[in-house]
């Protein structure tokens, strides 16, 4: 089963291709499958985080502090 990676929805759309390259790099270096899930809303992303559907998160400072407090 692949790891699920997500990125904070507030990162600019013109950087999306870079996240796919980063995901490919991680998969090759770690030797495991990783699925990149991009969300268009913080609510949906937070819902999936709380449900345990996300393994790796690249978060902005606000979300990082929220995650530390809640999880």
N, C-alpha and C. Protein backbone atom coordinates (compact mmCIF):
# COMPACT_ATOMS: atom_id res chain seq x y z
N UNK A 1 0.85 -1.18 0.00
CA UNK A 1 0.00 0.00 0.00
C UNK A 1 0.89 1.25 0.00
N UNK A 2 0.61 2.18 -0.89
CA UNK A 2 1.47 3.37 -0.98
C UNK A 2 1.26 4.33 0.19
N UNK A 3 2.31 5.09 0.48
CA UNK A 3 2.16 6.20 1.42
C UNK A 3 1.39 7.31 0.71
N UNK A 4 0.65 8.08 1.46
CA UNK A 4 -0.08 9.21 0.89
C UNK A 4 0.58 10.51 1.33
N UNK A 5 0.98 11.30 0.35
CA UNK A 5 1.63 12.59 0.56
C UNK A 5 0.68 13.70 0.13
N UNK A 6 0.59 14.75 0.93
CA UNK A 6 -0.22 15.90 0.54
C UNK A 6 0.56 17.18 0.81
N UNK A 7 0.12 18.23 0.16
CA UNK A 7 0.75 19.54 0.24
C UNK A 7 -0.33 20.54 0.63
N UNK A 8 0.02 21.52 1.42
CA UNK A 8 -0.93 22.54 1.83
C UNK A 8 -1.63 23.15 0.61
N UNK A 9 -2.96 23.26 0.64
CA UNK A 9 -3.69 23.79 -0.52
C UNK A 9 -3.37 25.25 -0.87
N UNK A 10 -2.68 25.97 0.00
CA UNK A 10 -2.40 27.37 -0.31
C UNK A 10 -1.14 27.59 -1.14
N UNK A 11 -0.44 26.52 -1.51
CA UNK A 11 0.72 26.69 -2.38
C UNK A 11 0.25 26.97 -3.80
N UNK A 12 0.96 27.84 -4.47
CA UNK A 12 0.56 28.31 -5.81
C UNK A 12 0.44 27.16 -6.81
N UNK A 13 -0.62 27.21 -7.64
CA UNK A 13 -0.83 26.15 -8.64
C UNK A 13 0.32 26.00 -9.62
N UNK A 14 1.09 27.07 -9.86
CA UNK A 14 2.19 26.96 -10.82
C UNK A 14 3.34 26.12 -10.28
N UNK A 15 3.26 25.70 -9.03
CA UNK A 15 4.29 24.83 -8.45
C UNK A 15 3.87 23.36 -8.39
N UNK A 16 2.68 23.06 -8.90
CA UNK A 16 2.15 21.69 -8.82
C UNK A 16 3.07 20.70 -9.52
N UNK A 17 3.58 21.05 -10.68
CA UNK A 17 4.45 20.11 -11.40
C UNK A 17 5.69 19.77 -10.57
N UNK A 18 6.20 20.73 -9.81
CA UNK A 18 7.34 20.47 -8.94
C UNK A 18 7.05 19.43 -7.88
N UNK A 19 5.82 19.41 -7.37
CA UNK A 19 5.45 18.41 -6.37
C UNK A 19 5.42 17.01 -6.97
N UNK A 20 5.00 16.90 -8.24
CA UNK A 20 5.02 15.60 -8.90
C UNK A 20 6.46 15.11 -9.10
N UNK A 21 7.35 16.02 -9.46
CA UNK A 21 8.77 15.65 -9.58
C UNK A 21 9.32 15.22 -8.22
N UNK A 22 8.99 15.96 -7.17
CA UNK A 22 9.44 15.62 -5.82
C UNK A 22 8.90 14.25 -5.40
N UNK A 23 7.64 13.99 -5.72
CA UNK A 23 7.04 12.70 -5.39
C UNK A 23 7.78 11.56 -6.10
N UNK A 24 8.08 11.75 -7.37
CA UNK A 24 8.83 10.74 -8.12
C UNK A 24 10.22 10.53 -7.51
N UNK A 25 10.88 11.61 -7.14
CA UNK A 25 12.20 11.53 -6.50
C UNK A 25 12.11 10.72 -5.21
N UNK A 26 11.13 11.03 -4.35
CA UNK A 26 10.97 10.29 -3.10
C UNK A 26 10.75 8.80 -3.34
N UNK A 27 9.90 8.48 -4.30
CA UNK A 27 9.63 7.08 -4.59
C UNK A 27 10.90 6.34 -5.01
N UNK A 28 11.69 6.97 -5.85
CA UNK A 28 12.92 6.32 -6.32
C UNK A 28 13.94 6.18 -5.20
N UNK A 29 14.09 7.22 -4.37
CA UNK A 29 15.08 7.17 -3.28
C UNK A 29 14.67 6.22 -2.17
N UNK A 30 13.37 6.19 -1.85
CA UNK A 30 12.90 5.33 -0.76
C UNK A 30 12.55 3.92 -1.22
N UNK A 31 12.32 3.76 -2.52
CA UNK A 31 11.99 2.44 -3.05
C UNK A 31 10.60 1.96 -2.67
N UNK A 32 9.69 2.90 -2.42
CA UNK A 32 8.32 2.54 -2.07
C UNK A 32 7.35 3.42 -2.86
N UNK A 33 6.13 2.93 -3.09
CA UNK A 33 5.15 3.76 -3.79
C UNK A 33 4.61 4.88 -2.90
N UNK A 34 4.45 6.06 -3.48
CA UNK A 34 3.91 7.21 -2.78
C UNK A 34 2.88 7.87 -3.69
N UNK A 35 1.70 8.08 -3.14
CA UNK A 35 0.63 8.74 -3.88
C UNK A 35 0.56 10.20 -3.46
N UNK A 36 0.62 11.12 -4.41
CA UNK A 36 0.50 12.55 -4.13
C UNK A 36 -0.96 12.94 -4.27
N UNK A 37 -1.56 13.37 -3.18
CA UNK A 37 -2.97 13.81 -3.17
C UNK A 37 -3.00 15.31 -2.95
N UNK A 38 -3.53 16.03 -3.94
CA UNK A 38 -3.63 17.49 -3.85
C UNK A 38 -5.08 17.86 -3.55
N UNK A 39 -5.28 18.73 -2.59
CA UNK A 39 -6.62 19.15 -2.18
C UNK A 39 -6.84 20.60 -2.60
N UNK A 40 -8.09 20.92 -2.92
CA UNK A 40 -8.41 22.30 -3.26
C UNK A 40 -9.06 23.04 -2.09
N UNK A 41 -9.20 22.35 -0.95
CA UNK A 41 -9.74 23.03 0.24
C UNK A 41 -9.06 22.50 1.49
N UNK A 42 -8.88 23.38 2.46
CA UNK A 42 -8.29 22.99 3.73
C UNK A 42 -9.23 22.05 4.49
N UNK A 43 -10.53 22.26 4.35
CA UNK A 43 -11.49 21.44 5.08
C UNK A 43 -11.39 19.97 4.67
N UNK A 44 -11.35 19.71 3.37
CA UNK A 44 -11.25 18.32 2.89
C UNK A 44 -9.91 17.71 3.30
N UNK A 45 -8.84 18.48 3.18
CA UNK A 45 -7.53 17.97 3.57
C UNK A 45 -7.51 17.63 5.06
N UNK A 46 -8.01 18.53 5.90
CA UNK A 46 -8.01 18.28 7.35
C UNK A 46 -8.89 17.10 7.71
N UNK A 47 -9.99 16.94 6.99
CA UNK A 47 -10.86 15.79 7.23
C UNK A 47 -10.12 14.48 6.95
N UNK A 48 -9.39 14.43 5.84
CA UNK A 48 -8.64 13.22 5.51
C UNK A 48 -7.46 13.00 6.46
N UNK A 49 -6.85 14.09 6.94
CA UNK A 49 -5.77 13.95 7.92
C UNK A 49 -6.31 13.33 9.20
N UNK A 50 -7.44 13.85 9.67
CA UNK A 50 -8.06 13.32 10.89
C UNK A 50 -8.50 11.87 10.73
N UNK A 51 -8.89 11.50 9.50
CA UNK A 51 -9.33 10.13 9.23
C UNK A 51 -8.15 9.17 9.02
N UNK A 52 -6.93 9.69 9.10
CA UNK A 52 -5.75 8.84 8.95
C UNK A 52 -5.43 8.46 7.51
N UNK A 53 -5.93 9.24 6.55
CA UNK A 53 -5.70 8.94 5.14
C UNK A 53 -4.43 9.57 4.58
N UNK A 54 -3.71 10.34 5.40
CA UNK A 54 -2.51 11.04 4.95
C UNK A 54 -1.33 10.60 5.81
N UNK A 55 -0.22 10.24 5.14
CA UNK A 55 0.97 9.79 5.86
C UNK A 55 2.04 10.87 5.96
N UNK A 56 2.21 11.66 4.91
CA UNK A 56 3.22 12.72 4.86
C UNK A 56 2.55 14.03 4.47
N UNK A 57 2.93 15.11 5.15
CA UNK A 57 2.31 16.41 4.89
C UNK A 57 3.39 17.47 4.75
N UNK A 58 3.29 18.26 3.69
CA UNK A 58 4.10 19.47 3.59
C UNK A 58 3.13 20.61 3.91
N UNK A 59 3.25 21.16 5.11
CA UNK A 59 2.26 22.12 5.60
C UNK A 59 2.85 23.50 5.78
N UNK A 60 1.97 24.50 5.70
CA UNK A 60 2.38 25.86 6.03
C UNK A 60 2.49 25.97 7.55
N UNK A 61 3.09 27.03 8.07
CA UNK A 61 3.29 27.13 9.53
C UNK A 61 2.00 27.05 10.35
N UNK A 62 0.93 27.65 9.86
CA UNK A 62 -0.34 27.60 10.60
C UNK A 62 -0.83 26.16 10.72
N UNK A 63 -0.86 25.44 9.60
CA UNK A 63 -1.33 24.06 9.63
C UNK A 63 -0.40 23.17 10.45
N UNK A 64 0.88 23.43 10.38
CA UNK A 64 1.82 22.63 11.17
C UNK A 64 1.53 22.79 12.66
N UNK A 65 1.26 24.01 13.10
CA UNK A 65 0.96 24.21 14.52
C UNK A 65 -0.38 23.57 14.89
N UNK A 66 -1.35 23.61 13.99
CA UNK A 66 -2.64 22.96 14.23
C UNK A 66 -2.45 21.45 14.37
N UNK A 67 -1.63 20.87 13.50
CA UNK A 67 -1.39 19.43 13.55
C UNK A 67 -0.70 19.02 14.84
N UNK A 68 0.24 19.81 15.29
CA UNK A 68 0.94 19.51 16.54
C UNK A 68 -0.04 19.54 17.71
N UNK A 69 -0.95 20.49 17.71
CA UNK A 69 -1.92 20.59 18.81
C UNK A 69 -2.94 19.47 18.77
N UNK A 70 -3.41 19.09 17.58
CA UNK A 70 -4.51 18.14 17.47
C UNK A 70 -4.08 16.68 17.44
N UNK A 71 -2.92 16.41 16.93
CA UNK A 71 -2.55 15.00 16.71
C UNK A 71 -1.52 14.55 17.72
